[in-house]
Amino acid sequence: MEVYVPNRACSCTRCCTRGLMWPTILVTLGVLMLMSEFDVVRFHYTWPILLIVAGVVKILASSAPTVGHHNHVIVDRIMGTGPAAPPPPSPPPPPPPFDPSQGVPNG
């Protein structure tokens, strides 16, 4: 199962469309306010259009293809789909056993 995790460094269509929600909402809000200012349609009749636009953008962003998507390195390692982590370093060798006939080591 492929897990989708948004990544700012990715250039797939789904990652690129995730940043379109607020610009789209602001443009729609500006158009609705402009229409209200010129007495075309009052804003209190048109505000549900903001919810519709938000829903359409959300559906388009979630249904966009993920061809060429690059997950984060951490997610790749957790899912086992990315490059393997380097093996841990080997432990240092044990110290030589103490020989009482040589006295106390200086060191």
C-alpha atoms as a PDB file:
ATOM      1  CA  MET A   1       0.000   0.000   0.000  1.00  0.00           C
ATOM      2  CA  GLU A   2       1.384   3.366  -1.027  1.00  0.00           C
ATOM      3  CA  VAL A   3       1.174   6.051   1.650  1.00  0.00           C
ATOM      4  CA  TYR A   4       1.029   9.623   0.382  1.00  0.00           C
ATOM      5  CA  VAL A   5       2.929  12.158   2.450  1.00  0.00           C
ATOM      6  CA  PRO A   6       3.177  15.722   1.113  1.00  0.00           C
ATOM      7  CA  ASN A   7       6.694  16.885   0.396  1.00  0.00           C
ATOM      8  CA  ARG A   8       7.645  20.486  -0.417  1.00  0.00           C
ATOM      9  CA  ALA A   9      10.639  19.334  -2.451  1.00  0.00           C
ATOM     10  CA  CYS A  10       8.504  17.086  -4.681  1.00  0.00           C
ATOM     11  CA  SER A  11       7.271  18.299  -8.063  1.00  0.00           C
ATOM     12  CA  CYS A  12       4.422  15.833  -8.660  1.00  0.00           C
ATOM     13  CA  THR A  13       1.004  17.270  -9.503  1.00  0.00           C
ATOM     14  CA  ARG A  14      -0.570  16.471  -6.135  1.00  0.00           C
ATOM     15  CA  CYS A  15       2.218  18.168  -4.154  1.00  0.00           C
ATOM     16  CA  CYS A  16       2.054  21.231  -6.416  1.00  0.00           C
ATOM     17  CA  THR A  17      -1.724  21.644  -6.079  1.00  0.00           C
ATOM     18  CA  ARG A  18      -1.709  21.514  -2.279  1.00  0.00           C
ATOM     19  CA  GLY A  19      -0.693  25.183  -2.109  1.00  0.00           C
ATOM     20  CA  LEU A  20      -3.605  26.439  -4.220  1.00  0.00           C
ATOM     21  CA  MET A  21      -6.318  26.468  -1.542  1.00  0.00           C
ATOM     22  CA  TRP A  22      -5.713  29.880   0.047  1.00  0.00           C
ATOM     23  CA  PRO A  23      -4.907  31.783  -3.162  1.00  0.00           C
ATOM     24  CA  THR A  24      -8.102  30.415  -4.711  1.00  0.00           C
ATOM     25  CA  ILE A  25     -10.161  31.339  -1.644  1.00  0.00           C
ATOM     26  CA  LEU A  26      -8.717  34.871  -1.590  1.00  0.00           C
ATOM     27  CA  VAL A  27      -9.374  35.449  -5.301  1.00  0.00           C
ATOM     28  CA  THR A  28     -12.939  34.146  -4.950  1.00  0.00           C
ATOM     29  CA  LEU A  29     -13.496  36.327  -1.886  1.00  0.00           C
ATOM     30  CA  GLY A  30     -12.185  39.361  -3.782  1.00  0.00           C
ATOM     31  CA  VAL A  31     -14.492  38.704  -6.733  1.00  0.00           C
ATOM     32  CA  LEU A  32     -17.501  38.258  -4.429  1.00  0.00           C
ATOM     33  CA  MET A  33     -16.684  41.473  -2.560  1.00  0.00           C
ATOM     34  CA  LEU A  34     -16.226  43.332  -5.840  1.00  0.00           C
ATOM     35  CA  MET A  35     -19.602  42.069  -7.083  1.00  0.00           C
ATOM     36  CA  SER A  36     -21.155  43.210  -3.802  1.00  0.00           C
ATOM     37  CA  GLU A  37     -19.490  46.618  -4.063  1.00  0.00           C
ATOM     38  CA  PHE A  38     -20.913  47.192  -7.569  1.00  0.00           C
ATOM     39  CA  ASP A  39     -24.364  46.020  -6.448  1.00  0.00           C
ATOM     40  CA  VAL A  40     -24.366  43.059  -8.818  1.00  0.00           C
ATOM     41  CA  VAL A  41     -25.133  40.501  -6.092  1.00  0.00           C
ATOM     42  CA  ARG A  42     -24.994  41.041  -2.332  1.00  0.00           C
ATOM     43  CA  PHE A  43     -22.297  39.129  -0.444  1.00  0.00           C
ATOM     44  CA  HIS A  44     -24.685  37.546   2.044  1.00  0.00           C
ATOM     45  CA  TYR A  45     -26.293  35.676  -0.880  1.00  0.00           C
ATOM     46  CA  THR A  46     -23.005  34.514  -2.421  1.00  0.00           C
ATOM     47  CA  TRP A  47     -20.834  33.460   0.546  1.00  0.00           C
ATOM     48  CA  PRO A  48     -21.665  29.732   0.067  1.00  0.00           C
ATOM     49  CA  ILE A  49     -19.654  29.949  -3.155  1.00  0.00           C
ATOM     50  CA  LEU A  50     -16.543  30.073  -0.929  1.00  0.00           C
ATOM     51  CA  LEU A  51     -17.439  26.655   0.505  1.00  0.00           C
ATOM     52  CA  ILE A  52     -18.075  25.267  -2.967  1.00  0.00           C
ATOM     53  CA  VAL A  53     -14.735  26.580  -4.263  1.00  0.00           C
ATOM     54  CA  ALA A  54     -12.898  25.160  -1.231  1.00  0.00           C
ATOM     55  CA  GLY A  55     -14.522  21.761  -1.801  1.00  0.00           C
ATOM     56  CA  VAL A  56     -13.695  21.745  -5.522  1.00  0.00           C
ATOM     57  CA  VAL A  57     -10.058  22.661  -4.863  1.00  0.00           C
ATOM     58  CA  LYS A  58      -9.819  19.969  -2.159  1.00  0.00           C
ATOM     59  CA  ILE A  59     -11.279  17.299  -4.478  1.00  0.00           C
ATOM     60  CA  LEU A  60      -9.012  18.298  -7.368  1.00  0.00           C
ATOM     61  CA  ALA A  61      -5.934  18.301  -5.122  1.00  0.00           C
ATOM     62  CA  SER A  62      -6.710  14.892  -3.624  1.00  0.00           C
ATOM     63  CA  SER A  63      -7.457  13.287  -6.986  1.00  0.00           C
ATOM     64  CA  ALA A  64      -4.366  14.668  -8.738  1.00  0.00           C
ATOM     65  CA  PRO A  65      -1.894  12.005  -9.899  1.00  0.00           C
ATOM     66  CA  THR A  66       1.181  11.231  -7.851  1.00  0.00           C
ATOM     67  CA  VAL A  67       3.373  10.201 -10.775  1.00  0.00           C
ATOM     68  CA  GLY A  68       6.958  11.049  -9.882  1.00  0.00           C
ATOM     69  CA  HIS A  69       6.180  11.635  -6.199  1.00  0.00           C
ATOM     70  CA  HIS A  70       9.119  11.537  -3.780  1.00  0.00           C
ATOM     71  CA  ASN A  71       8.388  10.722  -0.144  1.00  0.00           C
ATOM     72  CA  HIS A  72      10.464  12.030   2.707  1.00  0.00           C
ATOM     73  CA  VAL A  73      13.526   9.928   3.526  1.00  0.00           C
ATOM     74  CA  ILE A  74      12.096   9.111   6.969  1.00  0.00           C
ATOM     75  CA  VAL A  75       8.821   7.829   5.514  1.00  0.00           C
ATOM     76  CA  ASP A  76      10.733   5.745   2.961  1.00  0.00           C
ATOM     77  CA  ARG A  77      12.751   4.108   5.725  1.00  0.00           C
ATOM     78  CA  ILE A  78       9.694   3.430   7.878  1.00  0.00           C
ATOM     79  CA  MET A  79       7.785   1.909   4.962  1.00  0.00           C
ATOM     80  CA  GLY A  80      10.860   0.011   3.760  1.00  0.00           C
ATOM     81  CA  THR A  81      10.666   1.509   0.264  1.00  0.00           C
ATOM     82  CA  GLY A  82      13.726   3.738   0.313  1.00  0.00           C
ATOM     83  CA  PRO A  83      17.432   3.070   0.535  1.00  0.00           C
ATOM     84  CA  ALA A  84      18.493   1.033   3.521  1.00  0.00           C
ATOM     85  CA  ALA A  85      20.088   2.787   6.449  1.00  0.00           C
ATOM     86  CA  PRO A  86      23.822   2.195   6.881  1.00  0.00           C
ATOM     87  CA  PRO A  87      24.681  -0.550   9.368  1.00  0.00           C
ATOM     88  CA  PRO A  88      25.603   0.592  12.868  1.00  0.00           C
ATOM     89  CA  PRO A  89      29.311   0.838  13.659  1.00  0.00           C
ATOM     90  CA  SER A  90      30.914  -2.207  15.224  1.00  0.00           C
ATOM     91  CA  PRO A  91      31.669  -1.962  18.959  1.00  0.00           C
ATOM     92  CA  PRO A  92      35.274  -1.320  20.023  1.00  0.00           C
ATOM     93  CA  PRO A  93      37.369  -4.359  20.989  1.00  0.00           C
ATOM     94  CA  PRO A  94      37.444  -5.229  24.697  1.00  0.00           C
ATOM     95  CA  PRO A  95      40.460  -4.070  26.724  1.00  0.00           C
ATOM     96  CA  PRO A  96      43.180  -6.647  27.396  1.00  0.00           C
ATOM     97  CA  PRO A  97      42.814  -8.547  30.665  1.00  0.00           C
ATOM     98  CA  PHE A  98      44.636  -7.091  33.674  1.00  0.00           C
ATOM     99  CA  ASP A  99      47.876  -8.869  34.602  1.00  0.00           C
ATOM    100  CA  PRO A 100      48.796  -8.204  38.282  1.00  0.00           C
ATOM    101  CA  SER A 101      52.441  -9.161  37.689  1.00  0.00           C
ATOM    102  CA  GLN A 102      52.941  -6.097  35.437  1.00  0.00           C
ATOM    103  CA  GLY A 103      51.719  -3.663  38.053  1.00  0.00           C
ATOM    104  CA  VAL A 104      49.227  -0.851  37.651  1.00  0.00           C
ATOM    105  CA  PRO A 105      49.068   0.466  34.086  1.00  0.00           C
ATOM    106  CA  ASN A 106      49.925   4.153  33.593  1.00  0.00           C
ATOM    107  CA  GLY A 107      47.353   5.598  31.562  1.00  0.00           C
END
